Each structure stands twice: as C-alpha cells, then as structure tokens.
Amino acid sequence: MLLIYQWLVWGHVVAGSLALACFWLPMLAKKGSPLHRRSGRYYAILLYGVSLSGLLSCLLVIADPWYFKGQMLKAGADPQRFAEQVRAFWAFLGLLSLLSWVSIRQAMLVLRAGVERRILKHPLHILAIALLLPCGAYVLWLGIGRSQPLFIVFSLIAMSAAVGTLRYIFRAEVSKLMVLREHIGNMLGSAIAIYTAFAAFGGRNLLGLSATGQLISWLLPSVVGIGFILWYNRQYQDKPKVGAIAS
C-alpha cells in the first residue's frame, strides 16, 4: 500500500508541475484558436490526473496517518495530536483536489453543453459539485478551530464555487456569453487550486519562505485568480436589450 501511495504522489507531482506550466498556454493564446483548444485539452488531461491522484493519496493519509506519515513524528510528540494535524492538513489538500476536479470538469463540459446544459446535470457531476459543500464546511471548521486563515479562505471559496456552479446549471436559461464566463471562471478556479496546493505543499520547502511569506504565497493565487475572474466577467457581459433600455 505504501508503494501505491508513493506512486500516486510522484504521479501527482509530475502532472502538477506540467499543469502549472501548461495552464498559461490556453490563457495567453487567442481564444478559440487551434493552440488555445489543443493546449486547453492537454491542461485538462493533466488536471484530471492531478485531481484524482491528489484525492486518492489524501484519502489514504486521512485513513491511516501513522502508516503513511509516521516517519514525520518527532520524538516525544503526542501521536494523537500528530494524527489530528496530519488529517487536518490532508483534508485541506483533499478539498483542493476536489475543487480542481470540479472546476476543470465544469470548464470543459460547459463548452460541450452550450446553452442547453443537459450533460451538466449528470448525477455524478452534480454529486462532485455538491460534495464541495460538506467538505468545505468541514475544512472551515478546522480552520476556525486551528486559526488557519488558509483553511478558512479556501473553504469559503470552495463552497461559493459549488453554489455558483449549481446556480448556473439549474438556472432557467443562459446566454452564450455566460457559457464563456463559466468556462473561463472555472479554468481560473482550477489554477487557483493547483497553485495554492503547490504553495502549501511544495513551495514552502522549495522557496524557504518565512511564516509571513508562506501566508502571502498561499493567499496570492486566490487574490490574483479572483481578480482575473472579475476582469473576464466584465469583458464578457451580456449587452442589455434595446427594449429593456427603452423601458
């Protein structure tokens, strides 16, 4: 089982590293161009691998933190407290993985679904989105209890994303511009998840940041990503109808 976990982690790291770089190709390429579409598909494939391997490895660690992370237990430390800390951190990483899965799945499906949105109402897709609510609430509870601002901020982002996605899927009608906003917003949401996971899991050791620097690196992807989402939403606003203006 430990070997399976190690392969999951290595696969997660490799796919995540490639996704971090590949993300910028569809974002910077001309929208609708062959490069945009091709690189977007590659990015999506990588994200599916990152999300699935992340979810599976998180579930393994949460189920048995001593077996998979026992080597990190320091001499004289409380084993029970150690297990609680490991479970809390990997629950947070699991939420990031689930959010990245939901975001990239929604981003790719909305283009296929168009304004009709039938395929978005598949039970498994709805279930994955709905799971963000209890998982986000649990991480929020952990964040408040442990005074972890990153847990608090990201749990709120995950729950807000779930509500917004479900509202989009079940609203009476959507326009073509709303489809584009949903696609771009979820692509950026998936990037927020993987860049935050990198900062929280690997970046803090790789970059050797101070406590303040770590907090900034953890929150920066959310600030930048949400800023881009708001900017794109303004670029793809539906124009008011002439009759509505006249009235």
Protein backbone atom coordinates (compact mmCIF):
# COMPACT_ATOMS: atom_id res chain seq x y z
CA MET A 1 0.00 0.00 0.00
CA LEU A 2 2.87 2.35 0.76
CA LEU A 3 4.25 1.77 -2.74
CA ILE A 4 0.87 2.66 -4.25
CA TYR A 5 0.82 5.85 -2.21
CA GLN A 6 4.33 6.78 -3.33
CA TRP A 7 3.43 6.25 -6.98
CA LEU A 8 0.32 8.39 -6.52
CA VAL A 9 2.40 11.18 -5.01
CA TRP A 10 5.04 11.04 -7.73
CA GLY A 11 2.38 10.99 -10.44
CA HIS A 12 0.67 13.90 -8.71
CA VAL A 13 3.89 15.92 -8.56
CA VAL A 14 4.82 15.28 -12.21
CA ALA A 15 1.33 16.01 -13.55
CA GLY A 16 1.00 19.05 -11.29
CA SER A 17 4.34 20.50 -12.39
CA LEU A 18 3.39 20.12 -16.05
CA ALA A 19 -0.06 21.61 -15.40
CA LEU A 20 1.46 24.66 -13.67
CA ALA A 21 3.34 25.45 -16.87
CA CYS A 22 0.71 24.28 -19.36
CA PHE A 23 -2.01 26.48 -17.81
CA TRP A 24 -0.54 29.62 -19.38
CA LEU A 25 -0.78 28.33 -22.95
CA PRO A 26 -4.60 28.37 -23.23
CA MET A 27 -4.80 31.51 -21.10
CA LEU A 28 -2.43 33.53 -23.30
CA ALA A 29 -3.33 32.03 -26.68
CA LYS A 30 -6.02 33.64 -28.81
CA LYS A 31 -9.39 32.38 -27.59
CA GLY A 32 -10.81 29.78 -29.97
CA SER A 33 -7.53 29.30 -31.85
CA PRO A 34 -6.12 25.79 -32.50
CA LEU A 35 -3.38 26.43 -29.91
CA HIS A 36 -5.94 27.52 -27.34
CA ARG A 37 -8.10 24.44 -27.85
CA ARG A 38 -5.25 21.93 -28.05
CA SER A 39 -3.34 23.27 -25.04
CA GLY A 40 -6.61 23.54 -23.11
CA ARG A 41 -7.26 19.84 -23.68
CA TYR A 42 -3.73 18.95 -22.54
CA TYR A 43 -4.17 21.09 -19.44
CA ALA A 44 -7.49 19.41 -18.68
CA ILE A 45 -5.98 15.91 -19.01
CA LEU A 46 -3.17 16.88 -16.64
CA LEU A 47 -5.66 18.36 -14.17
CA TYR A 48 -7.74 15.19 -14.15
CA GLY A 49 -4.60 13.26 -13.25
CA VAL A 50 -3.58 15.80 -10.60
CA SER A 51 -7.05 15.82 -9.03
CA LEU A 52 -7.58 12.06 -9.00
CA SER A 53 -4.12 11.24 -7.64
CA GLY A 54 -4.50 14.01 -5.06
CA LEU A 55 -7.87 12.76 -3.87
CA LEU A 56 -6.72 9.15 -3.59
CA SER A 57 -3.50 9.99 -1.74
CA CYS A 58 -5.38 12.30 0.65
CA LEU A 59 -7.93 9.60 1.45
CA LEU A 60 -5.13 7.14 2.20
CA VAL A 61 -3.35 9.52 4.56
CA ILE A 62 -6.56 10.52 6.35
CA ALA A 63 -7.47 6.86 6.81
CA ASP A 64 -4.09 5.95 8.37
CA PRO A 65 -1.83 8.95 9.10
CA TRP A 66 0.60 6.89 11.22
CA TYR A 67 1.27 4.40 8.43
CA PHE A 68 1.82 6.93 5.66
CA LYS A 69 3.29 9.86 7.63
CA GLY A 70 4.58 8.24 10.81
CA GLN A 71 8.19 8.94 9.82
CA MET A 72 7.46 12.64 10.38
CA LEU A 73 6.51 12.10 14.04
CA LYS A 74 9.17 13.71 16.22
CA ALA A 75 10.46 12.02 19.36
CA GLY A 76 8.36 12.89 22.39
CA ALA A 77 5.49 14.30 20.32
CA ASP A 78 1.90 13.34 21.09
CA PRO A 79 0.88 10.69 18.50
CA GLN A 80 -2.79 11.61 18.76
CA ARG A 81 -2.13 15.30 18.19
CA PHE A 82 0.21 14.43 15.34
CA ALA A 83 -2.53 12.36 13.67
CA GLU A 84 -5.04 15.19 14.05
CA GLN A 85 -2.65 17.68 12.46
CA VAL A 86 -1.88 15.35 9.55
CA ARG A 87 -5.56 14.63 8.94
CA ALA A 88 -6.42 18.33 9.04
CA PHE A 89 -3.75 19.32 6.52
CA TRP A 90 -4.56 16.48 4.15
CA ALA A 91 -8.28 17.22 4.43
CA PHE A 92 -7.42 20.71 3.18
CA LEU A 93 -5.35 19.26 0.31
CA GLY A 94 -8.22 16.90 -0.46
CA LEU A 95 -10.56 19.88 -0.73
CA LEU A 96 -8.14 21.50 -3.19
CA SER A 97 -8.09 18.30 -5.26
CA LEU A 98 -11.87 18.05 -5.28
CA LEU A 99 -12.20 21.70 -6.26
CA SER A 100 -9.70 21.31 -9.10
CA TRP A 101 -11.63 18.26 -10.37
CA VAL A 102 -14.98 20.05 -10.25
CA SER A 103 -13.54 23.22 -11.81
CA ILE A 104 -11.82 21.58 -14.76
CA ARG A 105 -14.74 19.21 -15.36
CA GLN A 106 -17.20 22.11 -15.35
CA ALA A 107 -14.90 24.22 -17.55
CA MET A 108 -14.70 21.55 -20.23
CA LEU A 109 -18.33 20.41 -20.07
CA VAL A 110 -19.87 23.87 -20.40
CA LEU A 111 -18.37 24.26 -23.88
CA ARG A 112 -19.80 20.89 -24.96
CA ALA A 113 -23.14 21.55 -23.30
CA GLY A 114 -23.67 25.05 -24.70
CA VAL A 115 -26.80 26.85 -23.59
CA GLU A 116 -28.81 23.62 -23.16
CA ARG A 117 -26.65 22.26 -20.28
CA ARG A 118 -28.06 18.72 -20.31
CA ILE A 119 -24.74 16.97 -19.79
CA LEU A 120 -24.01 19.25 -16.83
CA LYS A 121 -26.91 17.65 -14.98
CA HIS A 122 -25.36 14.18 -14.91
CA PRO A 123 -25.76 12.78 -11.35
CA LEU A 124 -22.04 12.10 -10.86
CA HIS A 125 -21.11 15.64 -11.88
CA ILE A 126 -23.76 17.10 -9.58
CA LEU A 127 -22.57 14.83 -6.75
CA ALA A 128 -18.96 16.02 -7.11
CA ILE A 129 -20.10 19.65 -7.00
CA ALA A 130 -22.39 19.04 -4.02
CA LEU A 131 -19.56 17.33 -2.09
CA LEU A 132 -17.73 20.67 -2.04
CA LEU A 133 -20.32 21.98 0.43
CA PRO A 134 -19.84 19.49 3.33
CA CYS A 135 -16.12 19.14 2.62
CA GLY A 136 -15.74 22.92 2.56
CA ALA A 137 -17.75 23.25 5.79
CA TYR A 138 -15.51 20.69 7.49
CA VAL A 139 -12.31 22.47 6.40
CA LEU A 140 -13.85 25.77 7.54
CA TRP A 141 -14.49 24.22 10.96
CA LEU A 142 -10.88 23.00 11.05
CA GLY A 143 -9.62 26.43 10.01
CA ILE A 144 -11.57 28.26 12.69
CA GLY A 145 -10.58 25.79 15.39
CA ARG A 146 -6.91 25.90 14.42
CA SER A 147 -6.76 29.60 13.47
CA GLN A 148 -5.66 28.68 9.93
CA PRO A 149 -6.56 31.55 7.58
CA LEU A 150 -5.71 29.47 4.50
CA PHE A 151 -8.24 26.81 5.51
CA ILE A 152 -10.88 29.46 6.15
CA VAL A 153 -10.35 31.37 2.91
CA PHE A 154 -10.24 28.33 0.69
CA SER A 155 -13.19 26.58 2.29
CA LEU A 156 -15.27 29.69 1.61
CA ILE A 157 -14.01 29.78 -1.99
CA ALA A 158 -14.88 26.09 -2.47
CA MET A 159 -18.39 26.46 -1.06
CA SER A 160 -19.00 29.64 -3.06
CA ALA A 161 -17.82 27.86 -6.21
CA ALA A 162 -20.22 24.98 -5.54
CA VAL A 163 -23.19 27.31 -5.05
CA GLY A 164 -22.31 29.37 -8.13
CA THR A 165 -21.84 26.28 -10.29
CA LEU A 166 -25.14 24.73 -9.21
CA ARG A 167 -26.94 28.02 -9.80
CA TYR A 168 -25.51 28.14 -13.33
CA ILE A 169 -26.54 24.56 -14.09
CA PHE A 170 -30.12 24.90 -12.86
CA ARG A 171 -30.95 28.48 -13.81
CA ALA A 172 -33.81 28.95 -16.27
CA GLU A 173 -31.61 29.96 -19.22
CA VAL A 174 -28.09 31.05 -20.03
CA SER A 175 -26.57 33.06 -22.86
CA LYS A 176 -23.53 32.24 -24.98
CA LEU A 177 -21.53 34.87 -23.11
CA MET A 178 -22.48 33.26 -19.79
CA VAL A 179 -21.14 29.97 -21.16
CA LEU A 180 -17.82 31.68 -21.89
CA ARG A 181 -17.71 33.28 -18.44
CA GLU A 182 -18.42 29.94 -16.80
CA HIS A 183 -15.68 28.26 -18.84
CA ILE A 184 -13.05 30.91 -18.11
CA GLY A 185 -14.02 31.24 -14.46
CA ASN A 186 -13.67 27.51 -13.86
CA MET A 187 -10.38 27.31 -15.75
CA LEU A 188 -9.06 30.04 -13.45
CA GLY A 189 -10.60 28.30 -10.44
CA SER A 190 -8.70 25.11 -11.25
CA ALA A 191 -5.49 27.14 -11.50
CA ILE A 192 -6.14 28.74 -8.11
CA ALA A 193 -6.42 25.26 -6.62
CA ILE A 194 -3.22 23.85 -8.09
CA TYR A 195 -1.12 26.95 -7.45
CA THR A 196 -2.36 27.08 -3.84
CA ALA A 197 -1.59 23.39 -3.40
CA PHE A 198 1.91 23.97 -4.77
CA ALA A 199 2.46 26.87 -2.37
CA ALA A 200 1.08 24.96 0.62
CA PHE A 201 2.72 21.61 -0.03
CA GLY A 202 5.90 22.12 -2.04
CA GLY A 203 6.59 25.81 -2.38
CA ARG A 204 7.15 26.46 1.33
CA ASN A 205 10.03 23.98 1.39
CA LEU A 206 11.39 24.77 -2.07
CA LEU A 207 11.45 28.54 -1.60
CA GLY A 208 12.34 28.58 2.11
CA LEU A 209 9.87 31.37 2.90
CA SER A 210 9.25 32.92 6.32
CA ALA A 211 5.89 32.46 8.05
CA THR A 212 4.61 35.73 6.58
CA GLY A 213 5.98 34.85 3.17
CA GLN A 214 4.27 31.47 3.30
CA LEU A 215 0.92 33.06 4.14
CA ILE A 216 1.28 35.51 1.25
CA SER A 217 2.24 32.73 -1.18
CA TRP A 218 -0.78 30.68 -0.02
CA LEU A 219 -3.28 33.50 -0.49
CA LEU A 220 -1.78 35.16 -3.57
CA PRO A 221 -3.19 32.63 -6.11
CA SER A 222 -6.71 33.27 -4.79
CA VAL A 223 -6.32 37.05 -4.91
CA VAL A 224 -4.84 37.06 -8.43
CA GLY A 225 -7.20 34.38 -9.75
CA ILE A 226 -10.36 36.01 -8.42
CA GLY A 227 -9.15 39.33 -9.82
CA PHE A 228 -8.78 37.77 -13.28
CA ILE A 229 -12.22 36.14 -12.99
CA LEU A 230 -13.83 39.51 -12.20
CA TRP A 231 -11.93 41.13 -15.09
CA TYR A 232 -13.02 38.46 -17.58
CA ASN A 233 -16.62 38.69 -16.35
CA ARG A 234 -16.62 42.37 -17.26
CA GLN A 235 -15.22 41.60 -20.72
CA TYR A 236 -17.99 39.08 -21.45
CA GLN A 237 -21.01 40.94 -20.09
CA ASP A 238 -24.32 40.49 -21.90
CA LYS A 239 -25.43 43.67 -23.58
CA PRO A 240 -28.84 44.91 -22.38
CA LYS A 241 -31.67 44.50 -24.84
CA VAL A 242 -32.93 47.59 -26.65
CA GLY A 243 -36.41 47.16 -25.23
CA ALA A 244 -35.02 46.96 -21.71
CA ILE A 245 -33.13 50.24 -22.21
CA ALA A 246 -36.18 52.00 -23.61
CA SER A 247 -38.31 50.92 -20.67
